[in-house]
C-alpha atoms as a PDB file:
ATOM      1  CA  UNK A   1      40.020  16.134 -12.004  1.00  0.00           C
ATOM      2  CA  UNK A   2      41.986  18.978 -13.602  1.00  0.00           C
ATOM      3  CA  UNK A   3      41.489  22.517 -12.361  1.00  0.00           C
ATOM      4  CA  UNK A   4      40.189  23.613 -15.772  1.00  0.00           C
ATOM      5  CA  UNK A   5      37.181  21.377 -15.161  1.00  0.00           C
ATOM      6  CA  UNK A   6      35.941  23.662 -12.381  1.00  0.00           C
ATOM      7  CA  UNK A   7      32.344  24.739 -12.807  1.00  0.00           C
ATOM      8  CA  UNK A   8      30.221  27.690 -11.769  1.00  0.00           C
ATOM      9  CA  UNK A   9      27.926  27.452  -8.783  1.00  0.00           C
ATOM     10  CA  UNK A  10      24.950  27.408 -11.137  1.00  0.00           C
ATOM     11  CA  UNK A  11      26.292  24.438 -13.123  1.00  0.00           C
ATOM     12  CA  UNK A  12      27.272  22.611  -9.904  1.00  0.00           C
ATOM     13  CA  UNK A  13      23.687  22.888  -8.683  1.00  0.00           C
ATOM     14  CA  UNK A  14      22.422  21.635 -12.042  1.00  0.00           C
ATOM     15  CA  UNK A  15      24.725  18.595 -11.990  1.00  0.00           C
ATOM     16  CA  UNK A  16      23.908  17.729  -8.370  1.00  0.00           C
ATOM     17  CA  UNK A  17      20.145  18.120  -8.706  1.00  0.00           C
ATOM     18  CA  UNK A  18      17.638  15.343  -8.303  1.00  0.00           C
ATOM     19  CA  UNK A  19      16.736  14.058 -11.759  1.00  0.00           C
ATOM     20  CA  UNK A  20      13.224  14.769 -12.990  1.00  0.00           C
ATOM     21  CA  UNK A  21      11.189  13.043 -14.242  1.00  0.00           C
ATOM     22  CA  UNK A  22      11.976   9.934 -12.163  1.00  0.00           C
ATOM     23  CA  UNK A  23      11.878   7.570 -15.133  1.00  0.00           C
ATOM     24  CA  UNK A  24      15.221   9.143 -16.157  1.00  0.00           C
ATOM     25  CA  UNK A  25      16.916   7.842 -12.962  1.00  0.00           C
ATOM     26  CA  UNK A  26      19.793   5.407 -13.470  1.00  0.00           C
ATOM     27  CA  UNK A  27      18.723   1.801 -12.915  1.00  0.00           C
ATOM     28  CA  UNK A  28      21.682  -0.341 -11.828  1.00  0.00           C
ATOM     29  CA  UNK A  29      19.307  -3.255 -11.398  1.00  0.00           C
ATOM     30  CA  UNK A  30      15.706  -3.862 -10.306  1.00  0.00           C
ATOM     31  CA  UNK A  31      16.174  -2.757  -6.678  1.00  0.00           C
ATOM     32  CA  UNK A  32      18.954  -0.124  -7.002  1.00  0.00           C
ATOM     33  CA  UNK A  33      18.211   3.207  -8.661  1.00  0.00           C
ATOM     34  CA  UNK A  34      20.091   6.527  -8.629  1.00  0.00           C
ATOM     35  CA  UNK A  35      18.280   9.840  -8.957  1.00  0.00           C
ATOM     36  CA  UNK A  36      21.291  12.137  -8.567  1.00  0.00           C
ATOM     37  CA  UNK A  37      25.105  11.979  -8.650  1.00  0.00           C
ATOM     38  CA  UNK A  38      25.410  11.276  -4.923  1.00  0.00           C
ATOM     39  CA  UNK A  39      23.130   8.268  -5.231  1.00  0.00           C
ATOM     40  CA  UNK A  40      24.965   7.246  -8.409  1.00  0.00           C
ATOM     41  CA  UNK A  41      28.292   7.149  -6.471  1.00  0.00           C
ATOM     42  CA  UNK A  42      26.623   5.152  -3.714  1.00  0.00           C
ATOM     43  CA  UNK A  43      25.142   2.724  -6.217  1.00  0.00           C
ATOM     44  CA  UNK A  44      28.567   2.164  -7.793  1.00  0.00           C
ATOM     45  CA  UNK A  45      29.780   1.248  -4.330  1.00  0.00           C
ATOM     46  CA  UNK A  46      27.006  -1.309  -3.909  1.00  0.00           C
ATOM     47  CA  UNK A  47      26.913  -3.162  -7.210  1.00  0.00           C
ATOM     48  CA  UNK A  48      29.112  -6.120  -8.018  1.00  0.00           C
ATOM     49  CA  UNK A  49      31.573  -6.391 -10.913  1.00  0.00           C
ATOM     50  CA  UNK A  50      29.097  -8.308 -13.028  1.00  0.00           C
ATOM     51  CA  UNK A  51      26.542  -5.469 -12.856  1.00  0.00           C
ATOM     52  CA  UNK A  52      29.331  -2.981 -13.586  1.00  0.00           C
ATOM     53  CA  UNK A  53      30.442  -4.975 -16.622  1.00  0.00           C
ATOM     54  CA  UNK A  54      26.856  -5.089 -17.892  1.00  0.00           C
ATOM     55  CA  UNK A  55      26.668  -1.282 -17.879  1.00  0.00           C
ATOM     56  CA  UNK A  56      30.210  -0.544 -19.001  1.00  0.00           C
ATOM     57  CA  UNK A  57      31.578  -3.149 -21.410  1.00  0.00           C
ATOM     58  CA  UNK A  58      32.835  -3.127 -24.909  1.00  0.00           C
ATOM     59  CA  UNK A  59      31.496  -0.138 -26.884  1.00  0.00           C
ATOM     60  CA  UNK A  60      28.589   0.375 -24.513  1.00  0.00           C
ATOM     61  CA  UNK A  61      28.917   2.542 -21.443  1.00  0.00           C
ATOM     62  CA  UNK A  62      25.553   3.241 -19.863  1.00  0.00           C
ATOM     63  CA  UNK A  63      27.227   5.060 -16.961  1.00  0.00           C
ATOM     64  CA  UNK A  64      28.909   7.690 -19.152  1.00  0.00           C
ATOM     65  CA  UNK A  65      25.814   8.001 -21.344  1.00  0.00           C
ATOM     66  CA  UNK A  66      23.550   8.706 -18.354  1.00  0.00           C
ATOM     67  CA  UNK A  67      25.918  11.300 -16.903  1.00  0.00           C
ATOM     68  CA  UNK A  68      26.211  13.019 -20.274  1.00  0.00           C
ATOM     69  CA  UNK A  69      22.627  12.837 -21.478  1.00  0.00           C
ATOM     70  CA  UNK A  70      20.637  13.087 -18.231  1.00  0.00           C
ATOM     71  CA  UNK A  71      22.877  14.850 -15.701  1.00  0.00           C
ATOM     72  CA  UNK A  72      24.572  16.970 -18.372  1.00  0.00           C
ATOM     73  CA  UNK A  73      28.114  16.651 -17.041  1.00  0.00           C
ATOM     74  CA  UNK A  74      30.305  16.000 -20.091  1.00  0.00           C
ATOM     75  CA  UNK A  75      33.525  16.236 -18.038  1.00  0.00           C
ATOM     76  CA  UNK A  76      32.482  13.372 -15.725  1.00  0.00           C
ATOM     77  CA  UNK A  77      31.128  11.435 -18.694  1.00  0.00           C
ATOM     78  CA  UNK A  78      34.557  11.566 -20.388  1.00  0.00           C
ATOM     79  CA  UNK A  79      36.170  10.373 -17.166  1.00  0.00           C
ATOM     80  CA  UNK A  80      33.703   7.423 -16.935  1.00  0.00           C
ATOM     81  CA  UNK A  81      34.426   6.394 -20.514  1.00  0.00           C
ATOM     82  CA  UNK A  82      38.033   5.604 -19.546  1.00  0.00           C
ATOM     83  CA  UNK A  83      37.499   3.618 -16.316  1.00  0.00           C
ATOM     84  CA  UNK A  84      37.842  -0.134 -16.307  1.00  0.00           C
ATOM     85  CA  UNK A  85      36.694  -1.117 -12.817  1.00  0.00           C
ATOM     86  CA  UNK A  86      33.732  -0.467 -10.614  1.00  0.00           C
ATOM     87  CA  UNK A  87      35.942   0.884  -7.849  1.00  0.00           C
ATOM     88  CA  UNK A  88      37.550   3.332 -10.271  1.00  0.00           C
ATOM     89  CA  UNK A  89      34.171   4.515 -11.494  1.00  0.00           C
ATOM     90  CA  UNK A  90      32.967   5.028  -7.909  1.00  0.00           C
ATOM     91  CA  UNK A  91      36.133   6.997  -7.066  1.00  0.00           C
ATOM     92  CA  UNK A  92      35.831   9.244 -10.168  1.00  0.00           C
ATOM     93  CA  UNK A  93      32.130  10.052  -9.406  1.00  0.00           C
ATOM     94  CA  UNK A  94      32.766  10.727  -5.710  1.00  0.00           C
ATOM     95  CA  UNK A  95      35.695  13.037  -6.557  1.00  0.00           C
ATOM     96  CA  UNK A  96      33.491  14.957  -9.005  1.00  0.00           C
ATOM     97  CA  UNK A  97      30.693  15.280  -6.427  1.00  0.00           C
ATOM     98  CA  UNK A  98      33.205  16.711  -3.925  1.00  0.00           C
ATOM     99  CA  UNK A  99      34.500  19.104  -6.597  1.00  0.00           C
ATOM    100  CA  UNK A 100      30.981  20.242  -7.449  1.00  0.00           C
ATOM    101  CA  UNK A 101      29.984  20.650  -3.839  1.00  0.00           C
ATOM    102  CA  UNK A 102      33.093  22.818  -3.390  1.00  0.00           C
ATOM    103  CA  UNK A 103      31.710  25.158  -6.077  1.00  0.00           C
ATOM    104  CA  UNK A 104      28.583  25.820  -4.058  1.00  0.00           C
ATOM    105  CA  UNK A 105      28.082  28.705  -1.682  1.00  0.00           C
ATOM    106  CA  UNK A 106      27.577  27.893   2.000  1.00  0.00           C
ATOM    107  CA  UNK A 107      23.781  28.041   1.845  1.00  0.00           C
ATOM    108  CA  UNK A 108      23.754  25.142  -0.625  1.00  0.00           C
ATOM    109  CA  UNK A 109      26.362  22.989   1.095  1.00  0.00           C
ATOM    110  CA  UNK A 110      24.008  21.433   3.628  1.00  0.00           C
ATOM    111  CA  UNK A 111      24.508  17.691   3.581  1.00  0.00           C
ATOM    112  CA  UNK A 112      21.808  15.939   1.596  1.00  0.00           C
ATOM    113  CA  UNK A 113      20.478  19.196   0.120  1.00  0.00           C
ATOM    114  CA  UNK A 114      18.830  18.673  -3.259  1.00  0.00           C
ATOM    115  CA  UNK A 115      18.989  21.210  -6.019  1.00  0.00           C
END
């Protein structure tokens, strides 16, 4: 992601937080749900291409919509609008998580820490 897409520590915490209320989590399918961007990246790594196509095909892109409307990260949402494969979507989300985690001070960089 371009350098100009860097975010403040406050915004990084906001984007990486656990989503509340839980009904706003992203449902890949009945048994796979993501409640934050880390889980979202993991879920993209677990679904098959058919599930990916269901969420991101034609004019519909549930992935980008969830990131924009629930997480609030319009930069990542724009990136997801242009991906064409599940692997590409997973890579883009993981790269953004790493970038966001890099914006956090040491006290928030504990692995698995929720915001």
